[in-house]
C-alpha atoms as a PDB file:
ATOM      1  CA  MET A   1      -1.392 -14.806  -5.360  1.00  0.00           C
ATOM      2  CA  ILE A   2      -3.209 -15.500  -2.168  1.00  0.00           C
ATOM      3  CA  GLU A   3      -6.472 -13.584  -2.288  1.00  0.00           C
ATOM      4  CA  TRP A   4      -6.942 -13.375   1.475  1.00  0.00           C
ATOM      5  CA  PHE A   5      -3.486 -11.828   1.872  1.00  0.00           C
ATOM      6  CA  THR A   6      -4.419  -9.128  -0.617  1.00  0.00           C
ATOM      7  CA  TRP A   7      -7.624  -8.387   1.289  1.00  0.00           C
ATOM      8  CA  VAL A   8      -5.585  -8.143   4.497  1.00  0.00           C
ATOM      9  CA  GLN A   9      -3.321  -5.636   2.730  1.00  0.00           C
ATOM     10  CA  VAL A  10      -6.313  -3.587   1.603  1.00  0.00           C
ATOM     11  CA  ALA A  11      -7.793  -3.640   5.113  1.00  0.00           C
ATOM     12  CA  VAL A  12      -4.500  -2.614   6.742  1.00  0.00           C
ATOM     13  CA  ALA A  13      -3.941   0.174   4.214  1.00  0.00           C
ATOM     14  CA  VAL A  14      -7.497   1.502   4.653  1.00  0.00           C
ATOM     15  CA  ALA A  15      -7.217   1.331   8.460  1.00  0.00           C
ATOM     16  CA  ALA A  16      -3.842   3.101   8.361  1.00  0.00           C
ATOM     17  CA  GLY A  17      -5.234   5.707   5.977  1.00  0.00           C
ATOM     18  CA  LEU A  18      -8.284   6.417   8.098  1.00  0.00           C
ATOM     19  CA  LEU A  19      -6.163   6.579  11.265  1.00  0.00           C
ATOM     20  CA  CYS A  20      -3.792   9.089   9.689  1.00  0.00           C
ATOM     21  CA  LEU A  21      -6.609  11.154   8.187  1.00  0.00           C
ATOM     22  CA  VAL A  22      -8.498  11.361  11.490  1.00  0.00           C
ATOM     23  CA  LEU A  23      -5.366  12.265  13.459  1.00  0.00           C
ATOM     24  CA  GLY A  24      -4.293  14.778  10.818  1.00  0.00           C
ATOM     25  CA  LEU A  25      -7.652  16.498  10.696  1.00  0.00           C
ATOM     26  CA  ALA A  26      -7.689  16.524  14.506  1.00  0.00           C
ATOM     27  CA  GLY A  27      -4.502  18.584  14.395  1.00  0.00           C
ATOM     28  CA  ARG A  28      -2.008  15.914  15.407  1.00  0.00           C
ATOM     29  CA  VAL A  29       1.475  15.864  13.936  1.00  0.00           C
ATOM     30  CA  PRO A  30       2.909  12.600  12.595  1.00  0.00           C
ATOM     31  CA  SER A  31       3.676  10.196  15.401  1.00  0.00           C
ATOM     32  CA  ASP A  32       5.247   6.788  15.772  1.00  0.00           C
ATOM     33  CA  LEU A  33       1.736   5.343  15.421  1.00  0.00           C
ATOM     34  CA  THR A  34       1.054   6.972  12.049  1.00  0.00           C
ATOM     35  CA  ASN A  35       4.549   6.262  10.717  1.00  0.00           C
ATOM     36  CA  GLY A  36       4.296   2.698  12.028  1.00  0.00           C
ATOM     37  CA  ALA A  37       0.984   2.196  10.254  1.00  0.00           C
ATOM     38  CA  LEU A  38       2.599   3.128   6.950  1.00  0.00           C
ATOM     39  CA  ALA A  39       5.601   0.932   7.783  1.00  0.00           C
ATOM     40  CA  LEU A  40       3.241  -2.035   8.208  1.00  0.00           C
ATOM     41  CA  VAL A  41       1.667  -1.273   4.831  1.00  0.00           C
ATOM     42  CA  GLU A  42       5.169  -1.178   3.303  1.00  0.00           C
ATOM     43  CA  LEU A  43       6.153  -4.466   4.932  1.00  0.00           C
ATOM     44  CA  LEU A  44       3.070  -6.179   3.470  1.00  0.00           C
ATOM     45  CA  LEU A  45       3.950  -4.760   0.041  1.00  0.00           C
ATOM     46  CA  VAL A  46       7.465  -6.182   0.255  1.00  0.00           C
ATOM     47  CA  VAL A  47       5.990  -9.589   1.106  1.00  0.00           C
ATOM     48  CA  GLN A  48       3.667  -9.236  -1.878  1.00  0.00           C
ATOM     49  CA  LEU A  49       6.635  -8.451  -4.127  1.00  0.00           C
ATOM     50  CA  VAL A  50       8.379 -11.644  -3.030  1.00  0.00           C
ATOM     51  CA  VAL A  51       5.187 -13.670  -3.555  1.00  0.00           C
ATOM     52  CA  ALA A  52       4.626 -12.103  -7.001  1.00  0.00           C
ATOM     53  CA  ILE A  53       8.158 -12.993  -8.065  1.00  0.00           C
ATOM     54  CA  ALA A  54       7.892 -16.572  -6.748  1.00  0.00           C
ATOM     55  CA  ALA A  55       4.285 -17.361  -7.764  1.00  0.00           C
ATOM     56  CA  PRO A  56       4.908 -17.994 -11.491  1.00  0.00           C
ATOM     57  CA  ALA A  57       7.467 -20.664 -10.569  1.00  0.00           C
ATOM     58  CA  PHE A  58       4.613 -22.542  -8.851  1.00  0.00           C
ATOM     59  CA  GLY A  59       2.232 -22.198 -11.804  1.00  0.00           C
ATOM     60  CA  ASN A  60       0.289 -19.165 -10.565  1.00  0.00           C
ATOM     61  CA  GLU A  61       0.532 -16.799 -13.531  1.00  0.00           C
ATOM     62  CA  PRO A  62      -1.246 -13.430 -13.654  1.00  0.00           C
ATOM     63  CA  THR A  63      -4.241 -13.286 -15.993  1.00  0.00           C
ATOM     64  CA  GLY A  64      -3.707  -9.631 -16.884  1.00  0.00           C
ATOM     65  CA  SER A  65      -0.821  -7.432 -17.935  1.00  0.00           C
ATOM     66  CA  VAL A  66       2.347  -8.252 -16.007  1.00  0.00           C
ATOM     67  CA  LEU A  67       3.777  -4.815 -16.823  1.00  0.00           C
ATOM     68  CA  GLU A  68       0.713  -3.071 -15.390  1.00  0.00           C
ATOM     69  CA  PHE A  69       0.858  -5.263 -12.266  1.00  0.00           C
ATOM     70  CA  TYR A  70       4.508  -4.479 -11.554  1.00  0.00           C
ATOM     71  CA  THR A  71       3.978  -0.794 -12.342  1.00  0.00           C
ATOM     72  CA  TYR A  72       1.300  -0.639  -9.640  1.00  0.00           C
ATOM     73  CA  LEU A  73       3.485  -2.655  -7.267  1.00  0.00           C
ATOM     74  CA  VAL A  74       6.542  -0.425  -7.705  1.00  0.00           C
ATOM     75  CA  GLY A  75       4.372   2.688  -7.327  1.00  0.00           C
ATOM     76  CA  ALA A  76       2.809   1.261  -4.192  1.00  0.00           C
ATOM     77  CA  LEU A  77       6.232   0.370  -2.802  1.00  0.00           C
ATOM     78  CA  LEU A  78       7.550   3.909  -3.350  1.00  0.00           C
ATOM     79  CA  LEU A  79       4.539   5.824  -2.009  1.00  0.00           C
ATOM     80  CA  PRO A  80       4.650   5.000   1.755  1.00  0.00           C
ATOM     81  CA  PRO A  81       8.385   5.729   2.233  1.00  0.00           C
ATOM     82  CA  ALA A  82       8.036   8.987   0.302  1.00  0.00           C
ATOM     83  CA  ALA A  83       5.044  10.042   2.423  1.00  0.00           C
ATOM     84  CA  VAL A  84       6.783   9.127   5.696  1.00  0.00           C
ATOM     85  CA  PHE A  85       9.979  10.901   4.625  1.00  0.00           C
ATOM     86  CA  TRP A  86       8.025  14.066   3.820  1.00  0.00           C
ATOM     87  CA  ALA A  87       6.034  13.786   7.050  1.00  0.00           C
ATOM     88  CA  LEU A  88       9.219  13.506   9.093  1.00  0.00           C
ATOM     89  CA  LEU A  89      10.617  16.593   7.370  1.00  0.00           C
ATOM     90  CA  GLU A  90       7.441  18.652   7.591  1.00  0.00           C
ATOM     91  CA  ARG A  91       6.101  17.516  11.005  1.00  0.00           C
ATOM     92  CA  SER A  92       2.731  19.199  10.569  1.00  0.00           C
ATOM     93  CA  ARG A  93      -0.823  17.992  10.830  1.00  0.00           C
ATOM     94  CA  TRP A  94      -1.122  18.230   7.053  1.00  0.00           C
ATOM     95  CA  SER A  95       1.725  15.805   6.608  1.00  0.00           C
ATOM     96  CA  THR A  96      -0.301  13.370   8.714  1.00  0.00           C
ATOM     97  CA  VAL A  97      -3.184  13.851   6.274  1.00  0.00           C
ATOM     98  CA  VAL A  98      -0.765  13.104   3.411  1.00  0.00           C
ATOM     99  CA  LEU A  99       0.168   9.838   5.163  1.00  0.00           C
ATOM    100  CA  GLY A 100      -3.521   8.934   5.210  1.00  0.00           C
ATOM    101  CA  VAL A 101      -4.028   9.761   1.550  1.00  0.00           C
ATOM    102  CA  ALA A 102      -0.925   7.737   0.629  1.00  0.00           C
ATOM    103  CA  ALA A 103      -2.210   4.719   2.537  1.00  0.00           C
ATOM    104  CA  LEU A 104      -5.624   4.947   0.865  1.00  0.00           C
ATOM    105  CA  ALA A 105      -3.953   5.257  -2.538  1.00  0.00           C
ATOM    106  CA  VAL A 106      -1.962   2.112  -1.797  1.00  0.00           C
ATOM    107  CA  ALA A 107      -5.208   0.320  -0.869  1.00  0.00           C
ATOM    108  CA  VAL A 108      -6.638   1.177  -4.289  1.00  0.00           C
ATOM    109  CA  MET A 109      -3.431   0.056  -6.022  1.00  0.00           C
ATOM    110  CA  VAL A 110      -3.419  -3.268  -4.159  1.00  0.00           C
ATOM    111  CA  TYR A 111      -7.052  -3.896  -5.083  1.00  0.00           C
ATOM    112  CA  ARG A 112      -6.227  -3.165  -8.735  1.00  0.00           C
ATOM    113  CA  MET A 113      -3.269  -5.552  -8.563  1.00  0.00           C
ATOM    114  CA  LEU A 114      -5.627  -8.257  -7.299  1.00  0.00           C
ATOM    115  CA  GLN A 115      -7.899  -7.661 -10.287  1.00  0.00           C
ATOM    116  CA  ILE A 116      -4.972  -7.850 -12.712  1.00  0.00           C
ATOM    117  CA  TRP A 117      -3.645 -11.055 -11.170  1.00  0.00           C
ATOM    118  CA  THR A 118      -6.911 -12.941 -10.844  1.00  0.00           C
ATOM    119  CA  VAL A 119      -9.767 -11.767 -13.067  1.00  0.00           C
ATOM    120  CA  GLN A 120      -8.590  -9.614 -15.953  1.00  0.00           C
ATOM    121  CA  GLN A 121      -8.018 -11.367 -19.258  1.00  0.00           C
ATOM    122  CA  ALA A 122      -4.899 -10.484 -21.229  1.00  0.00           C
END
């Protein structure tokens, strides 16, 4: 796993989360900007999935539980589309807040995945 890529993911997810939270609390409904922010988070997660599948072939094995890592990754992959889908159905300012909370939750999951891959001992 490339550590800098994971930190970029965390930064993008936190920025997207804060953007959505601020716009939601300001009374804005979900927009292309908020949905696009979550789409960027999802795109980075898909890239991480590909890297995680390919990395062991190049000798970069996780140091922690592989099951826990992929559980976080699958959860993180499902959360942004679910939040965007609900936001598009609801179209309220509170659905924008949910987008922000989902993005921040993904940031925490990605940070935990970094810990599992690099520092945790099995």
